[in-house]
Each structure stands twice: as C-alpha cells, then as structure tokens.
C-alpha cells in the first residue's frame, strides 16, 4: 500500500526515491542532530548535512498521501521527530504551531 502510493506521489509531485532518501537523511539527522548544525552558512554546499529539505519532503508526503499510506509513513517519521526534538534545542522565537 505505502510503496504504490509513494511511487505515485513521487511521479506526480517529487522525484523517484525522494521519500526514501528523505527518510534516510532525517533518520541520520535525528540520531545525530549536531550534523545538521555544524559549520558553514547553512547551505548544502558548505555542509551537506545541514538541510531541512528532507523533513519538508516528508511533511509534504504525510499530507499528500492517502490516509492509510500516510499513517504508515507517520509511524516511521514520528519516532524520528521525537528523537530529534529530544536531542536538540528549540528556537524560542518559533511557535510549535508552525509545524515543521
């Protein structure tokens, strides 16, 4: 169910492999948040680990996939979100209501 829905979404709105790539990178950052915050100006050329694009791809997928597929993907993303939040410091100027 998830694979077919993701393939359709990637074909229509993203690129092949976008969701799996984003999930892998988000997992890497969630386990090692310092990778996302270390050095450079914040662009992928200065620091290839400093991106928020992978979480944005996952957020798009969570909202664009059919409910059942989104629920399955959410089951993979939410533990990573929790891990990331537990290992990082929130910006005090950003409201939690703003989402990812």
PDB file of N, CA and C in Angstrom:
ATOM      1  N   UNK A   1       0.818  -1.194   0.000  1.00  0.00           N
ATOM      2  CA  UNK A   1       0.000   0.000   0.000  1.00  0.00           C
ATOM      3  C   UNK A   1       0.861   1.256   0.000  1.00  0.00           C
ATOM      4  N   UNK A   2       1.798   1.338   0.948  1.00  0.00           N
ATOM      5  CA  UNK A   2       2.635   2.523   1.071  1.00  0.00           C
ATOM      6  C   UNK A   2       3.505   2.708  -0.172  1.00  0.00           C
ATOM      7  N   UNK A   3       4.138   1.638  -0.631  1.00  0.00           N
ATOM      8  CA  UNK A   3       5.064   1.753  -1.764  1.00  0.00           C
ATOM      9  C   UNK A   3       4.367   2.278  -3.016  1.00  0.00           C
ATOM     10  N   UNK A   4       3.195   1.776  -3.319  1.00  0.00           N
ATOM     11  CA  UNK A   4       2.473   2.235  -4.507  1.00  0.00           C
ATOM     12  C   UNK A   4       2.044   3.685  -4.390  1.00  0.00           C
ATOM     13  N   UNK A   5       1.550   4.072  -3.224  1.00  0.00           N
ATOM     14  CA  UNK A   5       1.120   5.456  -3.006  1.00  0.00           C
ATOM     15  C   UNK A   5       2.308   6.405  -3.075  1.00  0.00           C
ATOM     16  N   UNK A   6       3.424   6.001  -2.500  1.00  0.00           N
ATOM     17  CA  UNK A   6       4.628   6.835  -2.543  1.00  0.00           C
ATOM     18  C   UNK A   6       5.124   6.957  -3.982  1.00  0.00           C
ATOM     19  N   UNK A   7       5.125   5.867  -4.724  1.00  0.00           N
ATOM     20  CA  UNK A   7       5.571   5.910  -6.119  1.00  0.00           C
ATOM     21  C   UNK A   7       4.721   6.874  -6.934  1.00  0.00           C
ATOM     22  N   UNK A   8       3.399   6.866  -6.724  1.00  0.00           N
ATOM     23  CA  UNK A   8       2.523   7.803  -7.433  1.00  0.00           C
ATOM     24  C   UNK A   8       2.826   9.244  -7.038  1.00  0.00           C
ATOM     25  N   UNK A   9       3.002   9.478  -5.749  1.00  0.00           N
ATOM     26  CA  UNK A   9       3.317  10.825  -5.274  1.00  0.00           C
ATOM     27  C   UNK A   9       4.641  11.305  -5.851  1.00  0.00           C
ATOM     28  N   UNK A  10       5.640  10.451  -5.828  1.00  0.00           N
ATOM     29  CA  UNK A  10       6.948  10.827  -6.375  1.00  0.00           C
ATOM     30  C   UNK A  10       6.861  11.101  -7.868  1.00  0.00           C
ATOM     31  N   UNK A  11       6.095  10.314  -8.573  1.00  0.00           N
ATOM     32  CA  UNK A  11       5.934  10.525 -10.014  1.00  0.00           C
ATOM     33  C   UNK A  11       5.241  11.852 -10.295  1.00  0.00           C
ATOM     34  N   UNK A  12       4.214  12.178  -9.498  1.00  0.00           N
ATOM     35  CA  UNK A  12       3.402  13.362  -9.763  1.00  0.00           C
ATOM     36  C   UNK A  12       3.960  14.655  -9.190  1.00  0.00           C
ATOM     37  N   UNK A  13       4.623  14.581  -8.012  1.00  0.00           N
ATOM     38  CA  UNK A  13       4.990  15.822  -7.335  1.00  0.00           C
ATOM     39  C   UNK A  13       6.442  15.929  -6.889  1.00  0.00           C
ATOM     40  N   UNK A  14       7.161  14.818  -6.873  1.00  0.00           N
ATOM     41  CA  UNK A  14       8.531  14.839  -6.359  1.00  0.00           C
ATOM     42  C   UNK A  14       9.479  14.271  -7.407  1.00  0.00           C
ATOM     43  N   UNK A  15      10.309  13.346  -7.035  1.00  0.00           N
ATOM     44  CA  UNK A  15      11.222  12.659  -7.948  1.00  0.00           C
ATOM     45  C   UNK A  15      11.392  11.237  -7.429  1.00  0.00           C
ATOM     46  N   UNK A  16      11.783  10.314  -8.287  1.00  0.00           N
ATOM     47  CA  UNK A  16      11.911   8.917  -7.854  1.00  0.00           C
ATOM     48  C   UNK A  16      12.860   8.768  -6.665  1.00  0.00           C
ATOM     49  N   UNK A  17      12.396   8.104  -5.644  1.00  0.00           N
ATOM     50  CA  UNK A  17      13.208   7.846  -4.465  1.00  0.00           C
ATOM     51  C   UNK A  17      13.234   8.974  -3.443  1.00  0.00           C
ATOM     52  N   UNK A  18      12.470  10.044  -3.670  1.00  0.00           N
ATOM     53  CA  UNK A  18      12.519  11.223  -2.802  1.00  0.00           C
ATOM     54  C   UNK A  18      12.146  10.904  -1.358  1.00  0.00           C
ATOM     55  N   UNK A  19      11.103  10.128  -1.146  1.00  0.00           N
ATOM     56  CA  UNK A  19      10.631   9.856   0.212  1.00  0.00           C
ATOM     57  C   UNK A  19      11.620   8.963   0.956  1.00  0.00           C
ATOM     58  N   UNK A  20      12.120   7.935   0.316  1.00  0.00           N
ATOM     59  CA  UNK A  20      13.101   7.053   0.966  1.00  0.00           C
ATOM     60  C   UNK A  20      14.380   7.815   1.283  1.00  0.00           C
ATOM     61  N   UNK A  21      14.822   8.653   0.358  1.00  0.00           N
ATOM     62  CA  UNK A  21      16.022   9.468   0.575  1.00  0.00           C
ATOM     63  C   UNK A  21      15.805  10.417   1.755  1.00  0.00           C
ATOM     64  N   UNK A  22      14.646  11.067   1.792  1.00  0.00           N
ATOM     65  CA  UNK A  22      14.340  11.988   2.884  1.00  0.00           C
ATOM     66  C   UNK A  22      14.266  11.261   4.221  1.00  0.00           C
ATOM     67  N   UNK A  23      13.673  10.085   4.231  1.00  0.00           N
ATOM     68  CA  UNK A  23      13.558   9.307   5.464  1.00  0.00           C
ATOM     69  C   UNK A  23      14.932   8.880   5.976  1.00  0.00           C
ATOM     70  N   UNK A  24      15.806   8.454   5.070  1.00  0.00           N
ATOM     71  CA  UNK A  24      17.169   8.069   5.472  1.00  0.00           C
ATOM     72  C   UNK A  24      17.921   9.263   6.063  1.00  0.00           C
ATOM     73  N   UNK A  25      17.834  10.400   5.382  1.00  0.00           N
ATOM     74  CA  UNK A  25      18.559  11.587   5.845  1.00  0.00           C
ATOM     75  C   UNK A  25      17.971  12.106   7.166  1.00  0.00           C
ATOM     76  N   UNK A  26      16.645  12.097   7.284  1.00  0.00           N
ATOM     77  CA  UNK A  26      16.020  12.555   8.526  1.00  0.00           C
ATOM     78  C   UNK A  26      16.420  11.633   9.684  1.00  0.00           C
ATOM     79  N   UNK A  27      16.515  10.342   9.429  1.00  0.00           N
ATOM     80  CA  UNK A  27      16.954   9.399  10.455  1.00  0.00           C
ATOM     81  C   UNK A  27      18.380   9.724  10.888  1.00  0.00           C
ATOM     82  N   UNK A  28      19.215   9.994   9.935  1.00  0.00           N
ATOM     83  CA  UNK A  28      20.615  10.335  10.230  1.00  0.00           C
ATOM     84  C   UNK A  28      20.689  11.589  11.097  1.00  0.00           C
ATOM     85  N   UNK A  29      19.916  12.603  10.731  1.00  0.00           N
ATOM     86  CA  UNK A  29      19.919  13.857  11.495  1.00  0.00           C
ATOM     87  C   UNK A  29      19.286  13.657  12.863  1.00  0.00           C
ATOM     88  N   UNK A  30      18.214  12.882  12.945  1.00  0.00           N
ATOM     89  CA  UNK A  30      17.554  12.646  14.228  1.00  0.00           C
ATOM     90  C   UNK A  30      18.489  11.950  15.209  1.00  0.00           C
ATOM     91  N   UNK A  31      19.302  11.047  14.709  1.00  0.00           N
ATOM     92  CA  UNK A  31      20.236  10.328  15.579  1.00  0.00           C
ATOM     93  C   UNK A  31      21.470  11.158  15.915  1.00  0.00           C
ATOM     94  N   UNK A  32      21.798  12.124  15.053  1.00  0.00           N
ATOM     95  CA  UNK A  32      22.989  12.964  15.253  1.00  0.00           C
ATOM     96  C   UNK A  32      22.652  14.411  14.890  1.00  0.00           C
ATOM     97  N   UNK A  33      21.838  15.103  15.676  1.00  0.00           N
ATOM     98  CA  UNK A  33      21.415  16.472  15.332  1.00  0.00           C
ATOM     99  C   UNK A  33      22.570  17.430  15.128  1.00  0.00           C
ATOM    100  N   UNK A  34      23.692  17.188  15.762  1.00  0.00           N
ATOM    101  CA  UNK A  34      24.823  18.093  15.591  1.00  0.00           C
ATOM    102  C   UNK A  34      25.288  18.143  14.139  1.00  0.00           C
ATOM    103  N   UNK A  35      25.021  17.094  13.371  1.00  0.00           N
ATOM    104  CA  UNK A  35      25.389  17.095  11.957  1.00  0.00           C
ATOM    105  C   UNK A  35      24.646  18.198  11.206  1.00  0.00           C
ATOM    106  N   UNK A  36      23.420  18.453  11.619  1.00  0.00           N
ATOM    107  CA  UNK A  36      22.609  19.464  10.953  1.00  0.00           C
ATOM    108  C   UNK A  36      23.004  20.873  11.351  1.00  0.00           C
ATOM    109  N   UNK A  37      23.778  21.012  12.403  1.00  0.00           N
ATOM    110  CA  UNK A  37      24.054  22.342  12.935  1.00  0.00           C
ATOM    111  C   UNK A  37      25.527  22.716  12.927  1.00  0.00           C
ATOM    112  N   UNK A  38      26.366  21.907  12.348  1.00  0.00           N
ATOM    113  CA  UNK A  38      27.801  22.148  12.475  1.00  0.00           C
ATOM    114  C   UNK A  38      28.377  22.837  11.247  1.00  0.00           C
ATOM    115  N   UNK A  39      28.755  24.090  11.424  1.00  0.00           N
ATOM    116  CA  UNK A  39      29.564  24.806  10.449  1.00  0.00           C
ATOM    117  C   UNK A  39      28.874  25.229   9.176  1.00  0.00           C
ATOM    118  N   UNK A  40      29.580  26.054   8.429  1.00  0.00           N
ATOM    119  CA  UNK A  40      29.100  26.533   7.145  1.00  0.00           C
ATOM    120  C   UNK A  40      28.018  27.584   7.274  1.00  0.00           C
ATOM    121  N   UNK A  41      27.514  28.000   6.140  1.00  0.00           N
ATOM    122  CA  UNK A  41      26.495  29.045   6.118  1.00  0.00           C
ATOM    123  C   UNK A  41      25.091  28.468   6.179  1.00  0.00           C
ATOM    124  N   UNK A  42      24.992  27.162   6.162  1.00  0.00           N
ATOM    125  CA  UNK A  42      23.685  26.531   6.197  1.00  0.00           C
ATOM    126  C   UNK A  42      23.254  25.988   4.852  1.00  0.00           C
ATOM    127  N   UNK A  43      24.037  26.207   3.823  1.00  0.00           N
ATOM    128  CA  UNK A  43      23.667  25.661   2.522  1.00  0.00           C
ATOM    129  C   UNK A  43      24.285  24.274   2.358  1.00  0.00           C
ATOM    130  N   UNK A  44      23.690  23.444   1.496  1.00  0.00           N
ATOM    131  CA  UNK A  44      24.210  22.082   1.318  1.00  0.00           C
ATOM    132  C   UNK A  44      25.639  22.030   0.782  1.00  0.00           C
ATOM    133  N   UNK A  45      26.119  23.091   0.115  1.00  0.00           N
ATOM    134  CA  UNK A  45      27.489  23.076  -0.389  1.00  0.00           C
ATOM    135  C   UNK A  45      28.504  23.244   0.732  1.00  0.00           C
ATOM    136  N   UNK A  46      28.180  24.100   1.707  1.00  0.00           N
ATOM    137  CA  UNK A  46      29.083  24.290   2.850  1.00  0.00           C
ATOM    138  C   UNK A  46      29.023  23.116   3.809  1.00  0.00           C
ATOM    139  N   UNK A  47      27.838  22.596   4.010  1.00  0.00           N
ATOM    140  CA  UNK A  47      27.666  21.477   4.927  1.00  0.00           C
ATOM    141  C   UNK A  47      26.537  20.607   4.401  1.00  0.00           C
ATOM    142  N   UNK A  48      26.868  19.491   3.756  1.00  0.00           N
ATOM    143  CA  UNK A  48      25.826  18.664   3.139  1.00  0.00           C
ATOM    144  C   UNK A  48      24.822  18.083   4.122  1.00  0.00           C
ATOM    145  N   UNK A  49      25.129  18.102   5.424  1.00  0.00           N
ATOM    146  CA  UNK A  49      24.192  17.582   6.405  1.00  0.00           C
ATOM    147  C   UNK A  49      23.196  18.639   6.868  1.00  0.00           C
ATOM    148  N   UNK A  50      23.488  19.912   6.597  1.00  0.00           N
ATOM    149  CA  UNK A  50      22.613  20.986   7.077  1.00  0.00           C
ATOM    150  C   UNK A  50      21.517  21.232   6.048  1.00  0.00           C
ATOM    151  N   UNK A  51      20.417  20.539   6.209  1.00  0.00           N
ATOM    152  CA  UNK A  51      19.266  20.779   5.342  1.00  0.00           C
ATOM    153  C   UNK A  51      18.006  20.506   6.132  1.00  0.00           C
ATOM    154  N   UNK A  52      16.968  21.180   5.773  1.00  0.00           N
ATOM    155  CA  UNK A  52      15.664  20.855   6.327  1.00  0.00           C
ATOM    156  C   UNK A  52      14.775  20.332   5.212  1.00  0.00           C
ATOM    157  N   UNK A  53      15.333  20.248   4.028  1.00  0.00           N
ATOM    158  CA  UNK A  53      14.559  19.787   2.885  1.00  0.00           C
ATOM    159  C   UNK A  53      13.998  18.391   3.063  1.00  0.00           C
ATOM    160  N   UNK A  54      14.745  17.523   3.725  1.00  0.00           N
ATOM    161  CA  UNK A  54      14.260  16.150   3.898  1.00  0.00           C
ATOM    162  C   UNK A  54      13.010  16.124   4.772  1.00  0.00           C
ATOM    163  N   UNK A  55      12.950  16.943   5.788  1.00  0.00           N
ATOM    164  CA  UNK A  55      11.753  16.942   6.635  1.00  0.00           C
ATOM    165  C   UNK A  55      10.588  17.579   5.883  1.00  0.00           C
ATOM    166  N   UNK A  56      10.874  18.550   5.037  1.00  0.00           N
ATOM    167  CA  UNK A  56       9.824  19.167   4.220  1.00  0.00           C
ATOM    168  C   UNK A  56       9.238  18.165   3.231  1.00  0.00           C
ATOM    169  N   UNK A  57      10.074  17.327   2.643  1.00  0.00           N
ATOM    170  CA  UNK A  57       9.597  16.276   1.734  1.00  0.00           C
ATOM    171  C   UNK A  57       8.698  15.312   2.496  1.00  0.00           C
ATOM    172  N   UNK A  58       9.119  14.935   3.690  1.00  0.00           N
ATOM    173  CA  UNK A  58       8.304  14.017   4.493  1.00  0.00           C
ATOM    174  C   UNK A  58       6.980  14.671   4.886  1.00  0.00           C
ATOM    175  N   UNK A  59       7.004  15.941   5.232  1.00  0.00           N
ATOM    176  CA  UNK A  59       5.773  16.641   5.595  1.00  0.00           C
ATOM    177  C   UNK A  59       4.814  16.703   4.408  1.00  0.00           C
ATOM    178  N   UNK A  60       5.347  16.988   3.237  1.00  0.00           N
ATOM    179  CA  UNK A  60       4.520  17.001   2.028  1.00  0.00           C
ATOM    180  C   UNK A  60       3.892  15.627   1.821  1.00  0.00           C
ATOM    181  N   UNK A  61       4.698  14.593   1.949  1.00  0.00           N
ATOM    182  CA  UNK A  61       4.192  13.231   1.751  1.00  0.00           C
ATOM    183  C   UNK A  61       3.116  12.892   2.778  1.00  0.00           C
ATOM    184  N   UNK A  62       3.326  13.275   4.031  1.00  0.00           N
ATOM    185  CA  UNK A  62       2.348  12.975   5.079  1.00  0.00           C
ATOM    186  C   UNK A  62       0.998  13.621   4.801  1.00  0.00           C
ATOM    187  N   UNK A  63       1.006  14.768   4.141  1.00  0.00           N
ATOM    188  CA  UNK A  63      -0.249  15.458   3.835  1.00  0.00           C
ATOM    189  C   UNK A  63      -0.837  15.051   2.484  1.00  0.00           C
ATOM    190  N   UNK A  64       0.008  14.583   1.572  1.00  0.00           N
ATOM    191  CA  UNK A  64      -0.459  14.289   0.217  1.00  0.00           C
ATOM    192  C   UNK A  64      -0.844  12.823   0.009  1.00  0.00           C
ATOM    193  N   UNK A  65      -0.309  11.935   0.824  1.00  0.00           N
ATOM    194  CA  UNK A  65      -0.616  10.507   0.654  1.00  0.00           C
ATOM    195  C   UNK A  65      -2.028  10.193   1.126  1.00  0.00           C
ATOM    196  N   UNK A  66      -2.621   9.148   0.596  1.00  0.00           N
ATOM    197  CA  UNK A  66      -3.901   8.671   1.133  1.00  0.00           C
ATOM    198  C   UNK A  66      -3.745   8.337   2.616  1.00  0.00           C
ATOM    199  N   UNK A  67      -4.836   8.400   3.354  1.00  0.00           N
ATOM    200  CA  UNK A  67      -4.817   8.273   4.816  1.00  0.00           C
ATOM    201  C   UNK A  67      -4.069   7.031   5.308  1.00  0.00           C
ATOM    202  N   UNK A  68      -4.331   5.900   4.717  1.00  0.00           N
ATOM    203  CA  UNK A  68      -3.701   4.654   5.178  1.00  0.00           C
ATOM    204  C   UNK A  68      -2.190   4.671   4.963  1.00  0.00           C
ATOM    205  N   UNK A  69      -1.760   5.135   3.795  1.00  0.00           N
ATOM    206  CA  UNK A  69      -0.325   5.219   3.497  1.00  0.00           C
ATOM    207  C   UNK A  69       0.335   6.286   4.367  1.00  0.00           C
ATOM    208  N   UNK A  70      -0.351   7.406   4.576  1.00  0.00           N
ATOM    209  CA  UNK A  70       0.186   8.469   5.430  1.00  0.00           C
ATOM    210  C   UNK A  70       0.368   7.971   6.853  1.00  0.00           C
ATOM    211  N   UNK A  71      -0.577   7.192   7.340  1.00  0.00           N
ATOM    212  CA  UNK A  71      -0.492   6.637   8.689  1.00  0.00           C
ATOM    213  C   UNK A  71       0.731   5.722   8.815  1.00  0.00           C
ATOM    214  N   UNK A  72       0.971   4.933   7.789  1.00  0.00           N
ATOM    215  CA  UNK A  72       2.128   4.027   7.798  1.00  0.00           C
ATOM    216  C   UNK A  72       3.439   4.826   7.794  1.00  0.00           C
ATOM    217  N   UNK A  73       3.505   5.846   6.952  1.00  0.00           N
ATOM    218  CA  UNK A  73       4.702   6.686   6.910  1.00  0.00           C
ATOM    219  C   UNK A  73       4.855   7.448   8.226  1.00  0.00           C
ATOM    220  N   UNK A  74       3.762   7.956   8.773  1.00  0.00           N
ATOM    221  CA  UNK A  74       3.808   8.682  10.048  1.00  0.00           C
ATOM    222  C   UNK A  74       4.382   7.799  11.151  1.00  0.00           C
ATOM    223  N   UNK A  75       4.086   6.505  11.099  1.00  0.00           N
ATOM    224  CA  UNK A  75       4.638   5.568  12.074  1.00  0.00           C
ATOM    225  C   UNK A  75       6.156   5.474  12.008  1.00  0.00           C
ATOM    226  N   UNK A  76       6.731   5.803  10.865  1.00  0.00           N
ATOM    227  CA  UNK A  76       8.189   5.819  10.723  1.00  0.00           C
ATOM    228  C   UNK A  76       8.780   7.179  11.065  1.00  0.00           C
ATOM    229  N   UNK A  77       8.046   8.239  10.753  1.00  0.00           N
ATOM    230  CA  UNK A  77       8.555   9.599  10.921  1.00  0.00           C
ATOM    231  C   UNK A  77       8.440  10.080  12.371  1.00  0.00           C
ATOM    232  N   UNK A  78       7.333   9.805  13.029  1.00  0.00           N
ATOM    233  CA  UNK A  78       7.113  10.340  14.377  1.00  0.00           C
ATOM    234  C   UNK A  78       8.185   9.921  15.389  1.00  0.00           C
ATOM    235  N   UNK A  79       8.648   8.674  15.387  1.00  0.00           N
ATOM    236  CA  UNK A  79       9.729   8.340  16.327  1.00  0.00           C
ATOM    237  C   UNK A  79      11.013   9.130  16.042  1.00  0.00           C
ATOM    238  N   UNK A  80      11.287   9.397  14.778  1.00  0.00           N
ATOM    239  CA  UNK A  80      12.464  10.197  14.425  1.00  0.00           C
ATOM    240  C   UNK A  80      12.279  11.641  14.869  1.00  0.00           C
ATOM    241  N   UNK A  81      11.067  12.176  14.682  1.00  0.00           N
ATOM    242  CA  UNK A  81      10.773  13.531  15.150  1.00  0.00           C
ATOM    243  C   UNK A  81      10.998  13.631  16.651  1.00  0.00           C
ATOM    244  N   UNK A  82      10.484  12.660  17.393  1.00  0.00           N
ATOM    245  CA  UNK A  82      10.616  12.668  18.849  1.00  0.00           C
ATOM    246  C   UNK A  82      12.089  12.597  19.262  1.00  0.00           C
ATOM    247  N   UNK A  83      12.843  11.767  18.579  1.00  0.00           N
ATOM    248  CA  UNK A  83      14.267  11.641  18.865  1.00  0.00           C
ATOM    249  C   UNK A  83      14.984  12.953  18.580  1.00  0.00           C
ATOM    250  N   UNK A  84      14.687  13.554  17.443  1.00  0.00           N
ATOM    251  CA  UNK A  84      15.306  14.830  17.079  1.00  0.00           C
ATOM    252  C   UNK A  84      14.975  15.902  18.119  1.00  0.00           C
ATOM    253  N   UNK A  85      13.706  16.001  18.491  1.00  0.00           N
ATOM    254  CA  UNK A  85      13.294  17.004  19.472  1.00  0.00           C
ATOM    255  C   UNK A  85      13.935  16.761  20.839  1.00  0.00           C
ATOM    256  N   UNK A  86      14.121  15.507  21.198  1.00  0.00           N
ATOM    257  CA  UNK A  86      14.742  15.190  22.480  1.00  0.00           C
ATOM    258  C   UNK A  86      16.230  15.508  22.485  1.00  0.00           C
ATOM    259  N   UNK A  87      16.854  15.510  21.324  1.00  0.00           N
ATOM    260  CA  UNK A  87      18.304  15.717  21.241  1.00  0.00           C
ATOM    261  C   UNK A  87      18.700  17.100  20.748  1.00  0.00           C
ATOM    262  N   UNK A  88      17.748  17.982  20.567  1.00  0.00           N
ATOM    263  CA  UNK A  88      18.070  19.313  20.065  1.00  0.00           C
ATOM    264  C   UNK A  88      17.369  20.364  20.915  1.00  0.00           C
ATOM    265  N   UNK A  89      17.695  21.619  20.659  1.00  0.00           N
ATOM    266  CA  UNK A  89      17.089  22.728  21.396  1.00  0.00           C
ATOM    267  C   UNK A  89      16.184  23.492  20.458  1.00  0.00           C
ATOM    268  N   UNK A  90      14.953  23.757  20.886  1.00  0.00           N
ATOM    269  CA  UNK A  90      14.032  24.519  20.027  1.00  0.00           C
ATOM    270  C   UNK A  90      14.413  25.994  19.986  1.00  0.00           C
ATOM    271  N   UNK A  91      14.071  26.646  18.906  1.00  0.00           N
ATOM    272  CA  UNK A  91      14.261  28.092  18.816  1.00  0.00           C
ATOM    273  C   UNK A  91      13.135  28.751  19.591  1.00  0.00           C
ATOM    274  N   UNK A  92      13.449  29.618  20.524  1.00  0.00           N
ATOM    275  CA  UNK A  92      12.393  30.229  21.337  1.00  0.00           C
ATOM    276  C   UNK A  92      11.470  31.152  20.549  1.00  0.00           C
ATOM    277  N   UNK A  93      11.924  31.600  19.378  1.00  0.00           N
ATOM    278  CA  UNK A  93      11.102  32.517  18.582  1.00  0.00           C
ATOM    279  C   UNK A  93      10.143  31.805  17.646  1.00  0.00           C
ATOM    280  N   UNK A  94      10.223  30.474  17.592  1.00  0.00           N
ATOM    281  CA  UNK A  94       9.377  29.712  16.681  1.00  0.00           C
ATOM    282  C   UNK A  94       8.270  29.032  17.481  1.00  0.00           C
ATOM    283  N   UNK A  95       7.056  29.205  17.013  1.00  0.00           N
ATOM    284  CA  UNK A  95       5.914  28.599  17.678  1.00  0.00           C
ATOM    285  C   UNK A  95       5.781  27.129  17.290  1.00  0.00           C
ATOM    286  N   UNK A  96       5.481  26.238  18.227  1.00  0.00           N
ATOM    287  CA  UNK A  96       5.233  24.835  17.878  1.00  0.00           C
ATOM    288  C   UNK A  96       4.071  24.674  16.904  1.00  0.00           C
ATOM    289  N   UNK A  97       3.175  25.651  16.881  1.00  0.00           N
ATOM    290  CA  UNK A  97       2.037  25.599  15.962  1.00  0.00           C
ATOM    291  C   UNK A  97       2.467  25.761  14.511  1.00  0.00           C
ATOM    292  N   UNK A  98       3.668  26.264  14.287  1.00  0.00           N
ATOM    293  CA  UNK A  98       4.173  26.455  12.924  1.00  0.00           C
ATOM    294  C   UNK A  98       4.502  25.146  12.251  1.00  0.00           C
ATOM    295  N   UNK A  99       4.613  24.067  13.020  1.00  0.00           N
ATOM    296  CA  UNK A  99       4.936  22.754  12.434  1.00  0.00           C
ATOM    297  C   UNK A  99       6.362  22.700  11.952  1.00  0.00           C
ATOM    298  N   UNK A 100       6.631  21.746  11.115  1.00  0.00           N
ATOM    299  CA  UNK A 100       7.981  21.572  10.595  1.00  0.00           C
ATOM    300  C   UNK A 100       8.194  22.527   9.468  1.00  0.00           C
TER     301      UNK A 100
END
